[in-house]
Amino acid sequence: VQLVESGGGLVQPGGSLRLSCAASGFTFSIHAMSWYRQPPGKERELVGTITNTGGSTNYADSVKGRFTISRDNTKNTVYLQMNNLKPEDTAVYYCRTTRLGVTYWGQGTQVTVSS
């Protein structure tokens, strides 16, 4: 199982970024996927989850209405669209999945929101 995030970077407050997580090594279309983030000096926290079909999503209260998770099962990729970014969104963002009771993480991608 391999998860590779991309798309992070430096953005000004109010800006947008789209993160991608490319998955391989497992049957992507039957697994829910999650995005987590770890702000500097803080614990890792759940951002949101999408079901295997993409038919349902849920989000942390802190990102509701600003972030959207989607997936393309033909490309084995899950996305995190982040709009109206705030300095408190600064973190390393990770995608995660669980397969046969084992949890897998990507290496993370840094998002910095600063003017």
C-alpha atoms as a PDB file:
ATOM      1  CA  VAL A   1       0.000   0.000   0.000  1.00  0.00           C
ATOM      2  CA  GLN A   2       1.328   3.412  -0.934  1.00  0.00           C
ATOM      3  CA  LEU A   3      -0.239   6.819  -0.419  1.00  0.00           C
ATOM      4  CA  VAL A   4       1.464   9.884  -1.900  1.00  0.00           C
ATOM      5  CA  GLU A   5       0.193  13.372  -1.142  1.00  0.00           C
ATOM      6  CA  SER A   6       0.929  16.418  -3.260  1.00  0.00           C
ATOM      7  CA  GLY A   7      -0.277  19.954  -3.808  1.00  0.00           C
ATOM      8  CA  GLY A   8       0.800  21.660  -0.624  1.00  0.00           C
ATOM      9  CA  GLY A   9       2.518  25.010  -0.502  1.00  0.00           C
ATOM     10  CA  LEU A  10       2.397  28.567   0.741  1.00  0.00           C
ATOM     11  CA  VAL A  11      -0.854  30.465   0.285  1.00  0.00           C
ATOM     12  CA  GLN A  12      -2.199  33.758   1.555  1.00  0.00           C
ATOM     13  CA  PRO A  13      -5.176  33.905   3.919  1.00  0.00           C
ATOM     14  CA  GLY A  14      -8.387  33.612   1.930  1.00  0.00           C
ATOM     15  CA  GLY A  15      -6.678  31.619  -0.782  1.00  0.00           C
ATOM     16  CA  SER A  16      -7.269  28.092  -2.036  1.00  0.00           C
ATOM     17  CA  LEU A  17      -5.297  24.905  -2.549  1.00  0.00           C
ATOM     18  CA  ARG A  18      -6.170  21.454  -3.789  1.00  0.00           C
ATOM     19  CA  LEU A  19      -4.325  18.509  -2.322  1.00  0.00           C
ATOM     20  CA  SER A  20      -4.150  15.136  -4.007  1.00  0.00           C
ATOM     21  CA  CYS A  21      -3.424  11.695  -2.605  1.00  0.00           C
ATOM     22  CA  ALA A  22      -2.476   9.046  -5.134  1.00  0.00           C
ATOM     23  CA  ALA A  23      -3.056   5.503  -3.904  1.00  0.00           C
ATOM     24  CA  SER A  24      -1.599   2.224  -5.075  1.00  0.00           C
ATOM     25  CA  GLY A  25      -1.132  -1.329  -3.906  1.00  0.00           C
ATOM     26  CA  PHE A  26      -4.715  -2.015  -2.901  1.00  0.00           C
ATOM     27  CA  THR A  27      -8.235  -1.921  -4.298  1.00  0.00           C
ATOM     28  CA  PHE A  28      -8.843   1.783  -3.888  1.00  0.00           C
ATOM     29  CA  SER A  29     -12.523   1.725  -4.840  1.00  0.00           C
ATOM     30  CA  ILE A  30     -13.610  -0.395  -1.877  1.00  0.00           C
ATOM     31  CA  HIS A  31     -11.932   1.658   0.854  1.00  0.00           C
ATOM     32  CA  ALA A  32     -12.976   4.818   2.609  1.00  0.00           C
ATOM     33  CA  MET A  33     -10.298   7.492   2.674  1.00  0.00           C
ATOM     34  CA  SER A  34      -9.549  10.187   5.221  1.00  0.00           C
ATOM     35  CA  TRP A  35      -7.579  13.396   5.389  1.00  0.00           C
ATOM     36  CA  TYR A  36      -5.808  14.345   8.607  1.00  0.00           C
ATOM     37  CA  ARG A  37      -3.616  17.270   9.508  1.00  0.00           C
ATOM     38  CA  GLN A  38      -1.008  18.028  12.133  1.00  0.00           C
ATOM     39  CA  PRO A  39      -0.488  21.686  13.006  1.00  0.00           C
ATOM     40  CA  PRO A  40       2.953  22.642  14.347  1.00  0.00           C
ATOM     41  CA  GLY A  41       3.329  21.552  17.944  1.00  0.00           C
ATOM     42  CA  LYS A  42      -0.067  19.884  18.033  1.00  0.00           C
ATOM     43  CA  GLU A  43      -1.498  16.404  17.640  1.00  0.00           C
ATOM     44  CA  ARG A  44      -2.732  15.008  14.383  1.00  0.00           C
ATOM     45  CA  GLU A  45      -6.452  15.637  13.838  1.00  0.00           C
ATOM     46  CA  LEU A  46      -9.120  14.387  11.491  1.00  0.00           C
ATOM     47  CA  VAL A  47     -10.109  16.756   8.712  1.00  0.00           C
ATOM     48  CA  GLY A  48     -12.698  14.566   7.016  1.00  0.00           C
ATOM     49  CA  THR A  49     -13.597  11.236   5.475  1.00  0.00           C
ATOM     50  CA  ILE A  50     -15.129  10.058   2.223  1.00  0.00           C
ATOM     51  CA  THR A  51     -16.811   6.705   1.662  1.00  0.00           C
ATOM     52  CA  ASN A  52     -15.535   4.262  -0.936  1.00  0.00           C
ATOM     53  CA  THR A  53     -18.036   5.411  -3.564  1.00  0.00           C
ATOM     54  CA  GLY A  54     -17.705   9.087  -2.721  1.00  0.00           C
ATOM     55  CA  GLY A  55     -21.386   9.196  -1.908  1.00  0.00           C
ATOM     56  CA  SER A  56     -20.898  10.469   1.611  1.00  0.00           C
ATOM     57  CA  THR A  57     -18.457  12.752   3.345  1.00  0.00           C
ATOM     58  CA  ASN A  58     -18.046  14.185   6.792  1.00  0.00           C
ATOM     59  CA  TYR A  59     -15.867  16.977   8.087  1.00  0.00           C
ATOM     60  CA  ALA A  60     -14.446  18.440  11.241  1.00  0.00           C
ATOM     61  CA  ASP A  61     -16.392  21.470  12.408  1.00  0.00           C
ATOM     62  CA  SER A  62     -13.335  23.661  11.890  1.00  0.00           C
ATOM     63  CA  VAL A  63     -13.346  23.071   8.120  1.00  0.00           C
ATOM     64  CA  LYS A  64     -17.039  22.610   7.315  1.00  0.00           C
ATOM     65  CA  GLY A  65     -18.145  24.840   4.482  1.00  0.00           C
ATOM     66  CA  ARG A  66     -14.559  25.561   3.422  1.00  0.00           C
ATOM     67  CA  PHE A  67     -13.047  22.157   2.612  1.00  0.00           C
ATOM     68  CA  THR A  68     -14.378  19.495   0.248  1.00  0.00           C
ATOM     69  CA  ILE A  69     -13.183  15.925  -0.104  1.00  0.00           C
ATOM     70  CA  SER A  70     -13.734  14.108  -3.381  1.00  0.00           C
ATOM     71  CA  ARG A  71     -12.304  11.059  -5.110  1.00  0.00           C
ATOM     72  CA  ASP A  72     -11.805   9.637  -8.572  1.00  0.00           C
ATOM     73  CA  ASN A  73     -11.841   5.866  -8.410  1.00  0.00           C
ATOM     74  CA  THR A  74     -10.675   5.639 -12.022  1.00  0.00           C
ATOM     75  CA  LYS A  75      -7.476   7.449 -11.028  1.00  0.00           C
ATOM     76  CA  ASN A  76      -7.086   5.944  -7.535  1.00  0.00           C
ATOM     77  CA  THR A  77      -6.883   9.467  -6.166  1.00  0.00           C
ATOM     78  CA  VAL A  78      -8.575  11.361  -3.365  1.00  0.00           C
ATOM     79  CA  TYR A  79      -8.628  15.145  -3.234  1.00  0.00           C
ATOM     80  CA  LEU A  80      -8.956  17.832  -0.610  1.00  0.00           C
ATOM     81  CA  GLN A  81     -10.155  21.152  -1.944  1.00  0.00           C
ATOM     82  CA  MET A  82      -9.426  23.890   0.589  1.00  0.00           C
ATOM     83  CA  ASN A  83     -11.003  27.309   0.178  1.00  0.00           C
ATOM     84  CA  ASN A  84     -10.932  30.440   2.296  1.00  0.00           C
ATOM     85  CA  LEU A  85      -7.794  29.235   4.021  1.00  0.00           C
ATOM     86  CA  LYS A  86      -6.890  30.633   7.417  1.00  0.00           C
ATOM     87  CA  PRO A  87      -3.558  30.800   9.236  1.00  0.00           C
ATOM     88  CA  GLU A  88      -4.835  28.142  11.634  1.00  0.00           C
ATOM     89  CA  ASP A  89      -5.084  25.730   8.695  1.00  0.00           C
ATOM     90  CA  THR A  90      -1.286  25.652   8.584  1.00  0.00           C
ATOM     91  CA  ALA A  91      -0.298  22.021   9.048  1.00  0.00           C
ATOM     92  CA  VAL A  92       1.118  18.934   7.448  1.00  0.00           C
ATOM     93  CA  TYR A  93      -1.752  17.199   5.678  1.00  0.00           C
ATOM     94  CA  TYR A  94      -1.929  13.420   5.426  1.00  0.00           C
ATOM     95  CA  CYS A  95      -4.217  10.957   3.726  1.00  0.00           C
ATOM     96  CA  ARG A  96      -5.048   7.720   5.435  1.00  0.00           C
ATOM     97  CA  THR A  97      -6.776   4.438   4.809  1.00  0.00           C
ATOM     98  CA  THR A  98      -7.320   1.194   6.654  1.00  0.00           C
ATOM     99  CA  ARG A  99      -7.044  -2.178   4.968  1.00  0.00           C
ATOM    100  CA  LEU A 100      -7.495  -5.509   6.728  1.00  0.00           C
ATOM    101  CA  GLY A 101      -7.164  -3.802  10.079  1.00  0.00           C
ATOM    102  CA  VAL A 102      -3.909  -2.040   9.214  1.00  0.00           C
ATOM    103  CA  THR A 103      -3.788   1.741   8.951  1.00  0.00           C
ATOM    104  CA  TYR A 104      -1.688   3.335   6.236  1.00  0.00           C
ATOM    105  CA  TRP A 105      -0.512   6.936   6.014  1.00  0.00           C
ATOM    106  CA  GLY A 106       1.074   9.002   3.318  1.00  0.00           C
ATOM    107  CA  GLN A 107       4.229  11.007   3.928  1.00  0.00           C
ATOM    108  CA  GLY A 108       2.300  14.259   4.219  1.00  0.00           C
ATOM    109  CA  THR A 109       2.353  17.580   2.408  1.00  0.00           C
ATOM    110  CA  GLN A 110       2.971  20.932   4.064  1.00  0.00           C
ATOM    111  CA  VAL A 111       0.362  23.669   3.831  1.00  0.00           C
ATOM    112  CA  THR A 112       1.329  27.089   5.119  1.00  0.00           C
ATOM    113  CA  VAL A 113      -1.201  29.906   5.235  1.00  0.00           C
ATOM    114  CA  SER A 114       0.509  33.221   5.762  1.00  0.00           C
ATOM    115  CA  SER A 115       0.652  36.720   4.378  1.00  0.00           C
END
